[in-house]
Structure formats: C-alpha cells, structure tokens
Amino acid sequence: MDIEASYNFRRITERLTTSGIVHPDGLKALRGQGYEVVVNLLPDTSEYAIPYERDTVESQGIEYIYIPVDFKRPTSSNFLQFSEALDRVHEKKVHVHCAANYRVSAFCSLYLVSRDRWGAEQAMEFIRSIWQPTEHPGWSEFPPVSG
C-alpha cells in the first residue's frame, strides 16, 4: 500500500510528507518507497494509535521518532522537540503523521516558517487545506502562524 493512500496525505517536498493515520500495510511499505525516518506525533494511548508501529518501522531499518502531542494541549516543548528532530533528519526522506494530519500540519507549517522556508500565508493555506485550528481548544493558544 502506497503512503499516499494515508488519510489527509500531503507532499511538502520530495523528502517530506505528512498524513493522518497510516494503514499498517502502508507502514510496512515505507522502506520500498525510500523513507528513512518516521515521526509520529500521535500518543500511543490514542484510540487511533497503530499497534506495534515502532517495531514495524524499525524492522525496516527506518528511524522512528515518537513525540506524543496531546491534541487538546499542544506545548511549545512539543514543538521544540519536533523542530530539533526535523533539523537533525532534514537531509533524509521523512514522513510525519498523527491521527488526522492536524497536529502535523500545524507543527510542520510553524517549523517551515521558523526556518524561513515558507511564508506565513503559505503555512496558513496548507493548514486550512486540512483543518481549522481555531475550531479546536488548545490550538488557538498554540504559537500561531500568523497570516
């Protein structure tokens, strides 16, 4: 199963893609699609968490980075950890996911703006193509991407 079949899949660059839930068969096919790193922002306690995700990813020789972000209370600390991880792996092919690509789209957009790769307008357009953060408690207080 191709990663592009994942819920709310988006390709940011040739080396950076995002999505919501990745089907277990999609996880098993990541190495064949050239992925080197998976970043998961979905807490293992979520009803949408994929059992044995870390094992499935790492068994292919893919680096697995787990940064559980509480959807109702994203923190600056979560974002800092995310930014440090992406800075470290930015030369590799990376897929970042959560449940619906809400957390991920917000974090990736803010990251790309903070690294002067995107402007605020492009970031907000990307986020709004997936969801409306102002409709969800906790995200209106999260460090915004103005625009």
N, C-alpha and C. Protein backbone atom coordinates (compact mmCIF):
# COMPACT_ATOMS: atom_id res chain seq x y z
N MET A 1 0.85 -1.18 0.00
CA MET A 1 0.00 0.00 0.00
C MET A 1 0.89 1.24 0.00
N ASP A 2 0.62 2.16 -0.88
CA ASP A 2 1.40 3.38 -1.02
C ASP A 2 1.06 4.37 0.10
N ILE A 3 2.05 5.05 0.61
CA ILE A 3 1.86 6.03 1.68
C ILE A 3 0.86 7.12 1.28
N GLU A 4 0.76 7.41 -0.01
CA GLU A 4 -0.15 8.45 -0.47
C GLU A 4 -1.62 8.09 -0.25
N ALA A 5 -1.90 6.83 0.07
CA ALA A 5 -3.26 6.41 0.39
C ALA A 5 -3.63 6.74 1.84
N SER A 6 -2.68 7.23 2.61
CA SER A 6 -2.93 7.57 4.02
C SER A 6 -3.90 8.74 4.12
N TYR A 7 -4.61 8.80 5.24
CA TYR A 7 -5.61 9.83 5.48
C TYR A 7 -4.97 11.23 5.44
N ASN A 8 -5.55 12.14 4.68
CA ASN A 8 -5.08 13.52 4.57
C ASN A 8 -3.61 13.63 4.17
N PHE A 9 -3.15 12.74 3.33
CA PHE A 9 -1.76 12.77 2.87
C PHE A 9 -1.44 14.08 2.17
N ARG A 10 -0.25 14.64 2.44
CA ARG A 10 0.24 15.82 1.75
C ARG A 10 1.74 15.66 1.49
N ARG A 11 2.18 16.04 0.31
CA ARG A 11 3.60 16.05 -0.02
C ARG A 11 4.07 17.49 0.07
N ILE A 12 4.99 17.77 0.98
CA ILE A 12 5.53 19.11 1.14
C ILE A 12 6.71 19.29 0.20
N THR A 13 7.62 18.32 0.21
CA THR A 13 8.75 18.30 -0.72
C THR A 13 8.97 16.83 -1.10
N GLU A 14 9.96 16.57 -1.93
CA GLU A 14 10.28 15.18 -2.28
C GLU A 14 10.77 14.40 -1.06
N ARG A 15 11.28 15.10 -0.06
CA ARG A 15 11.82 14.42 1.13
C ARG A 15 10.95 14.56 2.36
N LEU A 16 9.84 15.30 2.28
CA LEU A 16 9.00 15.50 3.46
C LEU A 16 7.53 15.34 3.09
N THR A 17 6.89 14.35 3.72
CA THR A 17 5.47 14.13 3.53
C THR A 17 4.78 14.06 4.88
N THR A 18 3.46 14.30 4.87
CA THR A 18 2.69 14.28 6.10
C THR A 18 1.37 13.56 5.86
N SER A 19 0.77 13.10 6.95
CA SER A 19 -0.56 12.50 6.84
C SER A 19 -1.16 12.30 8.22
N GLY A 20 -2.41 11.85 8.17
CA GLY A 20 -3.04 11.33 9.37
C GLY A 20 -2.64 9.87 9.48
N ILE A 21 -3.57 9.06 9.93
CA ILE A 21 -3.32 7.64 10.15
C ILE A 21 -2.72 6.98 8.90
N VAL A 22 -1.71 6.18 9.15
CA VAL A 22 -1.10 5.37 8.10
C VAL A 22 -1.56 3.93 8.34
N HIS A 23 -2.14 3.33 7.34
CA HIS A 23 -2.58 1.94 7.45
C HIS A 23 -1.37 1.06 7.76
N PRO A 24 -1.52 0.02 8.58
CA PRO A 24 -0.38 -0.86 8.88
C PRO A 24 0.34 -1.37 7.63
N ASP A 25 -0.41 -1.68 6.56
CA ASP A 25 0.25 -2.12 5.33
C ASP A 25 1.07 -1.00 4.71
N GLY A 26 0.61 0.24 4.89
CA GLY A 26 1.38 1.40 4.41
C GLY A 26 2.68 1.54 5.17
N LEU A 27 2.64 1.28 6.47
CA LEU A 27 3.86 1.34 7.27
C LEU A 27 4.87 0.30 6.80
N LYS A 28 4.37 -0.88 6.46
CA LYS A 28 5.25 -1.97 6.03
C LYS A 28 5.92 -1.69 4.69
N ALA A 29 5.36 -0.76 3.93
CA ALA A 29 5.87 -0.48 2.59
C ALA A 29 6.78 0.75 2.53
N LEU A 30 7.04 1.38 3.67
CA LEU A 30 7.78 2.64 3.66
C LEU A 30 9.20 2.52 3.12
N ARG A 31 9.93 1.48 3.48
CA ARG A 31 11.31 1.32 3.01
C ARG A 31 11.33 1.23 1.49
N GLY A 32 10.37 0.51 0.92
CA GLY A 32 10.30 0.37 -0.52
C GLY A 32 10.01 1.69 -1.23
N GLN A 33 9.49 2.66 -0.50
CA GLN A 33 9.21 3.98 -1.06
C GLN A 33 10.32 4.98 -0.74
N GLY A 34 11.40 4.47 -0.14
CA GLY A 34 12.57 5.29 0.10
C GLY A 34 12.59 6.06 1.41
N TYR A 35 11.61 5.83 2.28
CA TYR A 35 11.60 6.57 3.55
C TYR A 35 12.70 6.09 4.47
N GLU A 36 13.29 7.06 5.18
CA GLU A 36 14.37 6.78 6.11
C GLU A 36 14.00 7.11 7.55
N VAL A 37 12.95 7.95 7.73
CA VAL A 37 12.54 8.38 9.06
C VAL A 37 11.02 8.50 9.11
N VAL A 38 10.43 8.07 10.22
CA VAL A 38 9.02 8.31 10.51
C VAL A 38 8.95 9.07 11.82
N VAL A 39 8.19 10.17 11.81
CA VAL A 39 7.96 10.94 13.03
C VAL A 39 6.47 10.79 13.35
N ASN A 40 6.18 10.30 14.53
CA ASN A 40 4.81 10.07 14.96
C ASN A 40 4.46 11.02 16.10
N LEU A 41 3.45 11.88 15.88
CA LEU A 41 3.00 12.81 16.92
C LEU A 41 1.77 12.31 17.66
N LEU A 42 1.28 11.14 17.31
CA LEU A 42 0.07 10.58 17.92
C LEU A 42 0.41 9.78 19.17
N PRO A 43 -0.14 10.17 20.33
CA PRO A 43 0.15 9.40 21.55
C PRO A 43 -0.28 7.95 21.41
N ASP A 44 0.51 7.05 21.97
CA ASP A 44 0.18 5.62 21.94
C ASP A 44 -1.13 5.31 22.64
N THR A 45 -1.59 6.21 23.49
CA THR A 45 -2.84 6.00 24.21
C THR A 45 -4.07 6.35 23.38
N SER A 46 -3.87 6.91 22.21
CA SER A 46 -4.98 7.29 21.34
C SER A 46 -5.68 6.05 20.79
N GLU A 47 -6.99 6.16 20.62
CA GLU A 47 -7.73 5.06 20.01
C GLU A 47 -7.29 4.82 18.57
N TYR A 48 -6.62 5.79 17.96
CA TYR A 48 -6.18 5.68 16.57
C TYR A 48 -4.74 5.18 16.44
N ALA A 49 -4.06 4.99 17.57
CA ALA A 49 -2.67 4.54 17.53
C ALA A 49 -2.57 3.17 16.86
N ILE A 50 -1.50 2.97 16.12
CA ILE A 50 -1.28 1.72 15.40
C ILE A 50 -0.44 0.80 16.27
N PRO A 51 -1.00 -0.35 16.63
CA PRO A 51 -0.23 -1.29 17.46
C PRO A 51 1.08 -1.68 16.78
N TYR A 52 2.13 -1.72 17.55
CA TYR A 52 3.46 -2.14 17.09
C TYR A 52 4.03 -1.26 15.98
N GLU A 53 3.62 0.01 15.96
CA GLU A 53 4.11 0.91 14.92
C GLU A 53 5.63 1.02 14.95
N ARG A 54 6.18 1.26 16.12
CA ARG A 54 7.65 1.39 16.23
C ARG A 54 8.34 0.14 15.68
N ASP A 55 7.89 -1.03 16.09
CA ASP A 55 8.51 -2.27 15.63
C ASP A 55 8.41 -2.43 14.12
N THR A 56 7.24 -2.10 13.57
CA THR A 56 7.02 -2.22 12.12
C THR A 56 7.98 -1.31 11.35
N VAL A 57 8.15 -0.10 11.85
CA VAL A 57 9.02 0.87 11.18
C VAL A 57 10.49 0.49 11.35
N GLU A 58 10.90 0.25 12.58
CA GLU A 58 12.31 -0.03 12.85
C GLU A 58 12.78 -1.34 12.23
N SER A 59 11.87 -2.31 12.06
CA SER A 59 12.26 -3.59 11.45
C SER A 59 12.69 -3.42 10.00
N GLN A 60 12.35 -2.29 9.39
CA GLN A 60 12.75 -1.98 8.02
C GLN A 60 14.04 -1.16 7.96
N GLY A 61 14.61 -0.89 9.14
CA GLY A 61 15.81 -0.06 9.19
C GLY A 61 15.50 1.42 9.10
N ILE A 62 14.26 1.79 9.38
CA ILE A 62 13.82 3.18 9.34
C ILE A 62 13.86 3.74 10.76
N GLU A 63 14.40 4.94 10.89
CA GLU A 63 14.43 5.60 12.20
C GLU A 63 13.01 6.00 12.60
N TYR A 64 12.67 5.76 13.85
CA TYR A 64 11.34 6.08 14.37
C TYR A 64 11.47 7.12 15.48
N ILE A 65 10.81 8.25 15.30
CA ILE A 65 10.84 9.33 16.29
C ILE A 65 9.43 9.51 16.82
N TYR A 66 9.29 9.36 18.12
CA TYR A 66 7.97 9.43 18.77
C TYR A 66 7.90 10.66 19.65
N ILE A 67 7.01 11.59 19.30
CA ILE A 67 6.80 12.81 20.08
C ILE A 67 5.29 12.91 20.34
N PRO A 68 4.81 12.32 21.44
CA PRO A 68 3.37 12.33 21.68
C PRO A 68 2.86 13.73 22.01
N VAL A 69 1.94 14.23 21.19
CA VAL A 69 1.37 15.56 21.38
C VAL A 69 -0.10 15.40 21.76
N ASP A 70 -0.45 15.87 22.93
CA ASP A 70 -1.84 15.86 23.38
C ASP A 70 -2.61 16.84 22.49
N PHE A 71 -3.59 16.36 21.74
CA PHE A 71 -4.30 17.22 20.80
C PHE A 71 -4.96 18.40 21.49
N LYS A 72 -5.43 18.20 22.72
CA LYS A 72 -6.11 19.29 23.43
C LYS A 72 -5.14 20.25 24.10
N ARG A 73 -3.86 19.86 24.22
CA ARG A 73 -2.88 20.71 24.89
C ARG A 73 -1.49 20.62 24.25
N PRO A 74 -1.36 21.08 23.01
CA PRO A 74 -0.02 21.09 22.41
C PRO A 74 0.85 22.10 23.14
N THR A 75 2.12 21.79 23.27
CA THR A 75 3.00 22.68 24.03
C THR A 75 4.17 23.17 23.18
N SER A 76 4.75 24.25 23.63
CA SER A 76 5.96 24.77 22.99
C SER A 76 7.08 23.75 23.11
N SER A 77 7.10 23.00 24.21
CA SER A 77 8.10 21.97 24.40
C SER A 77 7.96 20.88 23.34
N ASN A 78 6.71 20.47 23.04
CA ASN A 78 6.48 19.50 21.95
C ASN A 78 7.05 20.03 20.65
N PHE A 79 6.76 21.31 20.37
CA PHE A 79 7.21 21.90 19.12
C PHE A 79 8.74 21.99 19.06
N LEU A 80 9.37 22.33 20.16
CA LEU A 80 10.83 22.40 20.20
C LEU A 80 11.43 21.02 19.93
N GLN A 81 10.89 20.00 20.55
CA GLN A 81 11.37 18.64 20.34
C GLN A 81 11.19 18.24 18.86
N PHE A 82 10.05 18.58 18.29
CA PHE A 82 9.77 18.31 16.88
C PHE A 82 10.78 19.04 15.98
N SER A 83 11.02 20.30 16.25
CA SER A 83 11.94 21.10 15.44
C SER A 83 13.35 20.54 15.50
N GLU A 84 13.79 20.17 16.68
CA GLU A 84 15.13 19.59 16.83
C GLU A 84 15.24 18.29 16.05
N ALA A 85 14.18 17.48 16.08
CA ALA A 85 14.19 16.21 15.34
C ALA A 85 14.27 16.47 13.84
N LEU A 86 13.44 17.39 13.33
CA LEU A 86 13.47 17.67 11.89
C LEU A 86 14.79 18.30 11.46
N ASP A 87 15.35 19.15 12.30
CA ASP A 87 16.66 19.72 11.97
C ASP A 87 17.70 18.63 11.80
N ARG A 88 17.63 17.63 12.66
CA ARG A 88 18.61 16.54 12.65
C ARG A 88 18.46 15.63 11.42
N VAL A 89 17.23 15.44 10.93
CA VAL A 89 16.99 14.49 9.84
C VAL A 89 16.61 15.15 8.52
N HIS A 90 16.80 16.45 8.41
CA HIS A 90 16.29 17.19 7.26
C HIS A 90 16.85 16.74 5.90
N GLU A 91 17.97 16.05 5.90
CA GLU A 91 18.55 15.57 4.64
C GLU A 91 17.99 14.21 4.24
N LYS A 92 17.18 13.61 5.09
CA LYS A 92 16.63 12.28 4.83
C LYS A 92 15.19 12.39 4.33
N LYS A 93 14.67 11.29 3.81
CA LYS A 93 13.26 11.25 3.40
C LYS A 93 12.44 10.90 4.63
N VAL A 94 11.52 11.82 4.99
CA VAL A 94 10.79 11.76 6.26
C VAL A 94 9.29 11.78 6.03
N HIS A 95 8.60 10.93 6.78
CA HIS A 95 7.14 11.01 6.82
C HIS A 95 6.72 11.32 8.25
N VAL A 96 5.87 12.33 8.40
CA VAL A 96 5.38 12.75 9.72
C VAL A 96 3.88 12.51 9.75
N HIS A 97 3.40 11.88 10.82
CA HIS A 97 1.96 11.62 10.89
C HIS A 97 1.42 11.75 12.30
N CYS A 98 0.10 11.87 12.36
CA CYS A 98 -0.66 11.83 13.61
C CYS A 98 -1.98 11.13 13.28
N ALA A 99 -3.09 11.52 13.87
CA ALA A 99 -4.36 10.87 13.58
C ALA A 99 -5.00 11.39 12.30
N ALA A 100 -5.01 12.73 12.14
CA ALA A 100 -5.74 13.32 11.01
C ALA A 100 -4.91 14.34 10.22
N ASN A 101 -3.65 14.48 10.54
CA ASN A 101 -2.75 15.49 9.95
C ASN A 101 -3.08 16.88 10.48
N TYR A 102 -3.70 16.97 11.63
CA TYR A 102 -3.97 18.27 12.26
C TYR A 102 -2.72 18.73 13.01
N ARG A 103 -2.29 17.92 13.99
CA ARG A 103 -1.09 18.26 14.75
C ARG A 103 0.08 18.49 13.79
N VAL A 104 0.23 17.54 12.87
CA VAL A 104 1.38 17.55 11.96
C VAL A 104 1.37 18.78 11.06
N SER A 105 0.23 19.12 10.49
CA SER A 105 0.19 20.29 9.60
C SER A 105 0.54 21.56 10.35
N ALA A 106 0.07 21.68 11.59
CA ALA A 106 0.39 22.86 12.39
C ALA A 106 1.89 22.89 12.73
N PHE A 107 2.42 21.78 13.19
CA PHE A 107 3.84 21.73 13.57
C PHE A 107 4.74 21.93 12.35
N CYS A 108 4.44 21.23 11.25
CA CYS A 108 5.29 21.36 10.05
C CYS A 108 5.24 22.79 9.51
N SER A 109 4.06 23.37 9.49
CA SER A 109 3.94 24.74 8.98
C SER A 109 4.74 25.71 9.83
N LEU A 110 4.57 25.62 11.14
CA LEU A 110 5.31 26.51 12.03
C LEU A 110 6.81 26.28 11.89
N TYR A 111 7.20 25.03 11.76
CA TYR A 111 8.62 24.71 11.58
C TYR A 111 9.16 25.35 10.30
N LEU A 112 8.45 25.17 9.19
CA LEU A 112 8.91 25.70 7.91
C LEU A 112 8.96 27.23 7.91
N VAL A 113 8.03 27.87 8.60
CA VAL A 113 8.06 29.33 8.73
C VAL A 113 9.27 29.74 9.58
N SER A 114 9.49 29.02 10.67
CA SER A 114 10.59 29.37 11.58
C SER A 114 11.96 29.18 10.94
N ARG A 115 12.02 28.34 9.90
CA ARG A 115 13.28 28.10 9.20
C ARG A 115 13.35 28.88 7.87
N ASP A 116 12.44 29.85 7.71
CA ASP A 116 12.39 30.71 6.52
C ASP A 116 12.25 29.93 5.21
N ARG A 117 11.55 28.82 5.27
CA ARG A 117 11.29 28.05 4.05
C ARG A 117 9.91 28.33 3.48
N TRP A 118 9.01 28.77 4.35
CA TRP A 118 7.66 29.15 3.95
C TRP A 118 7.34 30.50 4.57
N GLY A 119 6.45 31.23 3.90
CA GLY A 119 5.89 32.44 4.48
C GLY A 119 4.65 32.06 5.28
N ALA A 120 4.18 32.98 6.10
CA ALA A 120 3.01 32.72 6.95
C ALA A 120 1.77 32.42 6.11
N GLU A 121 1.61 33.10 4.99
CA GLU A 121 0.43 32.87 4.16
C GLU A 121 0.42 31.45 3.59
N GLN A 122 1.56 30.98 3.11
CA GLN A 122 1.65 29.63 2.58
C GLN A 122 1.38 28.61 3.69
N ALA A 123 1.90 28.87 4.88
CA ALA A 123 1.69 27.97 6.00
C ALA A 123 0.21 27.88 6.36
N MET A 124 -0.46 29.02 6.44
CA MET A 124 -1.88 29.00 6.79
C MET A 124 -2.72 28.34 5.70
N GLU A 125 -2.35 28.54 4.46
CA GLU A 125 -3.06 27.89 3.36
C GLU A 125 -2.94 26.38 3.48
N PHE A 126 -1.74 25.90 3.80
CA PHE A 126 -1.50 24.47 3.98
C PHE A 126 -2.37 23.93 5.12
N ILE A 127 -2.33 24.59 6.26
CA ILE A 127 -3.11 24.14 7.42
C ILE A 127 -4.60 24.12 7.07
N ARG A 128 -5.08 25.22 6.52
CA ARG A 128 -6.52 25.33 6.22
C ARG A 128 -6.98 24.36 5.14
N SER A 129 -6.05 23.82 4.37
CA SER A 129 -6.45 22.81 3.38
C SER A 129 -6.82 21.50 4.07
N ILE A 130 -6.50 21.41 5.36
CA ILE A 130 -6.76 20.19 6.13
C ILE A 130 -7.77 20.43 7.26
N TRP A 131 -7.63 21.55 7.98
CA TRP A 131 -8.49 21.80 9.14
C TRP A 131 -8.45 23.26 9.54
N GLN A 132 -9.25 23.61 10.53
CA GLN A 132 -9.33 24.97 11.07
C GLN A 132 -8.92 24.95 12.55
N PRO A 133 -7.66 25.27 12.86
CA PRO A 133 -7.19 25.21 14.25
C PRO A 133 -8.03 26.03 15.23
N THR A 134 -8.59 27.14 14.80
CA THR A 134 -9.36 27.98 15.72
C THR A 134 -10.63 27.31 16.20
N GLU A 135 -11.01 26.22 15.56
CA GLU A 135 -12.22 25.49 15.97
C GLU A 135 -11.93 24.44 17.04
N HIS A 136 -10.68 24.33 17.46
CA HIS A 136 -10.29 23.30 18.41
C HIS A 136 -9.57 23.92 19.61
N PRO A 137 -10.11 23.72 20.81
CA PRO A 137 -9.47 24.26 22.01
C PRO A 137 -8.01 23.81 22.11
N GLY A 138 -7.17 24.71 22.54
CA GLY A 138 -5.75 24.42 22.71
C GLY A 138 -4.92 24.90 21.53
N TRP A 139 -5.50 24.93 20.35
CA TRP A 139 -4.74 25.32 19.17
C TRP A 139 -4.77 26.82 18.92
N SER A 140 -5.81 27.49 19.40
CA SER A 140 -5.81 28.95 19.24
C SER A 140 -4.77 29.59 20.15
N GLU A 141 -4.40 28.89 21.23
CA GLU A 141 -3.36 29.41 22.13
C GLU A 141 -1.97 28.94 21.72
N PHE A 142 -1.89 27.90 20.90
CA PHE A 142 -0.60 27.38 20.48
C PHE A 142 0.11 28.45 19.66
N PRO A 143 1.44 28.52 19.72
CA PRO A 143 2.14 29.54 18.94
C PRO A 143 1.63 29.57 17.51
N PRO A 144 0.95 30.63 17.14
CA PRO A 144 0.30 30.66 15.83
C PRO A 144 1.24 30.99 14.69
N VAL A 145 0.82 30.60 13.53
CA VAL A 145 1.44 31.05 12.30
C VAL A 145 0.51 32.15 11.84
N SER A 146 0.93 33.38 11.98
CA SER A 146 0.02 34.49 11.64
C SER A 146 -0.10 34.63 10.14
N GLY A 147 -1.25 35.12 9.72
CA GLY A 147 -1.42 35.31 8.29
C GLY A 147 -2.87 35.35 7.90
